[in-house]
Amino acid sequence: MKKTLTASALLSALLLATAPVHAQTDAQSAPPAASQPAASIDDAQLEQFASALNHISEIQEQAMAELSQVEDQQQAQVIQQEANEKMVDAVNESGLSVEDYNLIANQLQTDPELQQRLEALR
């Protein structure tokens, strides 16, 4: 029971910290979402975002599975840190910066047109 609660709490922290990849960024480095309208996010950027999003989902699933097996708080923190690092790497490998990824992710939450464009690419 304690193991499940600890894993659930850590999983929640992992998902909140990384969806979108807010870890490793500070407030002044990421401009507000309103500063870049959907029209200025081109298909190439959206494709990069979709690629990073797919990799991040896989990393999160793997981390959730690992967290469900741990009993040690320290081990869980290591898993969370490794997952965060892998997610940042996935974003960078897609060709986006973490800031650009977060900008697009934030804009997707409020822009139905951008959501439709992303779905069309997937």
Protein backbone atom coordinates (compact mmCIF):
# COMPACT_ATOMS: atom_id res chain seq x y z
CA MET A 1 0.00 0.00 0.00
CA LYS A 2 2.74 2.46 0.98
CA LYS A 3 4.70 1.50 -2.14
CA THR A 4 1.70 2.24 -4.36
CA LEU A 5 1.01 5.61 -2.71
CA THR A 6 4.64 6.65 -2.98
CA ALA A 7 4.80 5.61 -6.62
CA SER A 8 1.55 7.43 -7.35
CA ALA A 9 2.76 10.60 -5.66
CA LEU A 10 6.04 10.51 -7.54
CA LEU A 11 4.30 9.74 -10.79
CA SER A 12 2.04 12.72 -10.30
CA ALA A 13 5.06 14.90 -9.61
CA LEU A 14 6.79 13.55 -12.71
CA LEU A 15 3.82 14.23 -14.95
CA LEU A 16 3.24 17.69 -13.54
CA ALA A 17 6.89 18.57 -13.86
CA THR A 18 7.18 17.37 -17.43
CA ALA A 19 3.92 17.87 -19.24
CA PRO A 20 4.95 19.92 -21.06
CA VAL A 21 8.64 19.79 -20.38
CA HIS A 22 8.84 22.63 -17.88
CA ALA A 23 11.79 21.14 -16.07
CA GLN A 24 15.10 22.80 -16.82
CA THR A 25 13.56 26.16 -17.80
CA ASP A 26 13.15 29.38 -15.92
CA ALA A 27 10.39 31.93 -16.18
CA GLN A 28 12.42 34.61 -17.91
CA SER A 29 13.69 32.32 -20.68
CA ALA A 30 10.22 31.34 -21.95
CA PRO A 31 8.18 34.11 -23.53
CA PRO A 32 4.44 34.11 -22.92
CA ALA A 33 2.41 31.92 -25.27
CA ALA A 34 0.58 34.91 -26.69
CA SER A 35 3.80 36.30 -28.16
CA GLN A 36 3.83 33.78 -31.02
CA PRO A 37 0.52 33.36 -32.86
CA ALA A 38 -0.39 29.95 -34.27
CA ALA A 39 0.18 31.17 -37.80
CA SER A 40 3.85 31.75 -37.00
CA ILE A 41 4.28 28.13 -35.91
CA ASP A 42 5.07 26.47 -39.21
CA ASP A 43 4.48 22.83 -40.13
CA ALA A 44 8.16 21.97 -39.65
CA GLN A 45 8.05 23.21 -36.04
CA LEU A 46 4.79 21.37 -35.48
CA GLU A 47 6.31 18.17 -36.89
CA GLN A 48 9.29 18.59 -34.56
CA PHE A 49 6.89 19.10 -31.68
CA ALA A 50 4.90 15.97 -32.60
CA SER A 51 8.10 13.92 -32.76
CA ALA A 52 9.25 15.19 -29.36
CA LEU A 53 5.78 14.62 -27.90
CA ASN A 54 5.80 10.99 -29.05
CA HIS A 55 9.20 10.39 -27.47
CA ILE A 56 8.17 12.14 -24.27
CA SER A 57 5.07 9.95 -24.01
CA GLU A 58 7.23 6.84 -24.32
CA ILE A 59 9.64 8.13 -21.68
CA GLN A 60 6.76 8.92 -19.32
CA GLU A 61 5.25 5.46 -19.79
CA GLN A 62 8.59 3.83 -19.05
CA ALA A 63 9.11 6.01 -15.98
CA MET A 64 5.61 5.18 -14.70
CA ALA A 65 6.33 1.48 -15.05
CA GLU A 66 9.64 1.86 -13.23
CA LEU A 67 8.10 3.98 -10.48
CA SER A 68 5.43 1.38 -9.84
CA GLN A 69 8.18 -1.09 -8.94
CA VAL A 70 10.25 1.02 -6.55
CA GLU A 71 10.02 1.01 -2.78
CA ASP A 72 12.82 3.48 -2.09
CA GLN A 73 12.18 7.23 -2.25
CA GLN A 74 15.74 7.91 -3.37
CA GLN A 75 15.48 5.39 -6.21
CA ALA A 76 12.23 7.00 -7.31
CA GLN A 77 13.89 10.42 -7.40
CA VAL A 78 16.67 9.01 -9.57
CA ILE A 79 14.09 7.60 -11.98
CA GLN A 80 12.30 10.95 -12.09
CA GLN A 81 15.53 12.88 -12.73
CA GLU A 82 16.59 10.47 -15.47
CA ALA A 83 13.17 10.76 -17.11
CA ASN A 84 13.36 14.55 -17.00
CA GLU A 85 16.80 14.49 -18.62
CA LYS A 86 15.61 12.07 -21.32
CA MET A 87 12.61 14.30 -22.05
CA VAL A 88 14.80 17.38 -22.42
CA ASP A 89 17.09 15.37 -24.73
CA ALA A 90 14.08 14.22 -26.77
CA VAL A 91 12.98 17.81 -27.27
CA ASN A 92 16.47 18.95 -28.24
CA GLU A 93 16.93 15.99 -30.60
CA SER A 94 13.68 16.92 -32.35
CA GLY A 95 15.29 20.22 -33.32
CA LEU A 96 13.34 22.40 -30.89
CA SER A 97 14.55 24.15 -27.79
CA VAL A 98 12.75 23.36 -24.54
CA GLU A 99 11.44 26.93 -24.57
CA ASP A 100 9.98 26.52 -28.08
CA TYR A 101 8.47 23.16 -27.12
CA ASN A 102 6.81 24.72 -24.08
CA LEU A 103 5.59 27.67 -26.13
CA ILE A 104 3.90 25.36 -28.63
CA ALA A 105 2.51 23.12 -25.86
CA ASN A 106 1.03 26.11 -24.06
CA GLN A 107 -0.46 27.46 -27.27
CA LEU A 108 -2.00 24.08 -28.06
CA GLN A 109 -4.03 24.30 -24.87
CA THR A 110 -5.94 27.35 -26.11
CA ASP A 111 -5.74 27.28 -29.90
CA PRO A 112 -8.14 24.87 -31.63
CA GLU A 113 -6.65 25.65 -35.06
CA LEU A 114 -3.19 24.66 -33.88
CA GLN A 115 -4.63 21.51 -32.30
CA GLN A 116 -6.19 20.56 -35.65
CA ARG A 117 -2.93 21.17 -37.48
CA LEU A 118 -1.10 18.94 -35.01
CA GLU A 119 -3.67 16.17 -35.36
CA ALA A 120 -3.37 16.37 -39.15
CA LEU A 121 0.38 15.76 -38.84
CA ARG A 122 0.03 12.76 -36.55
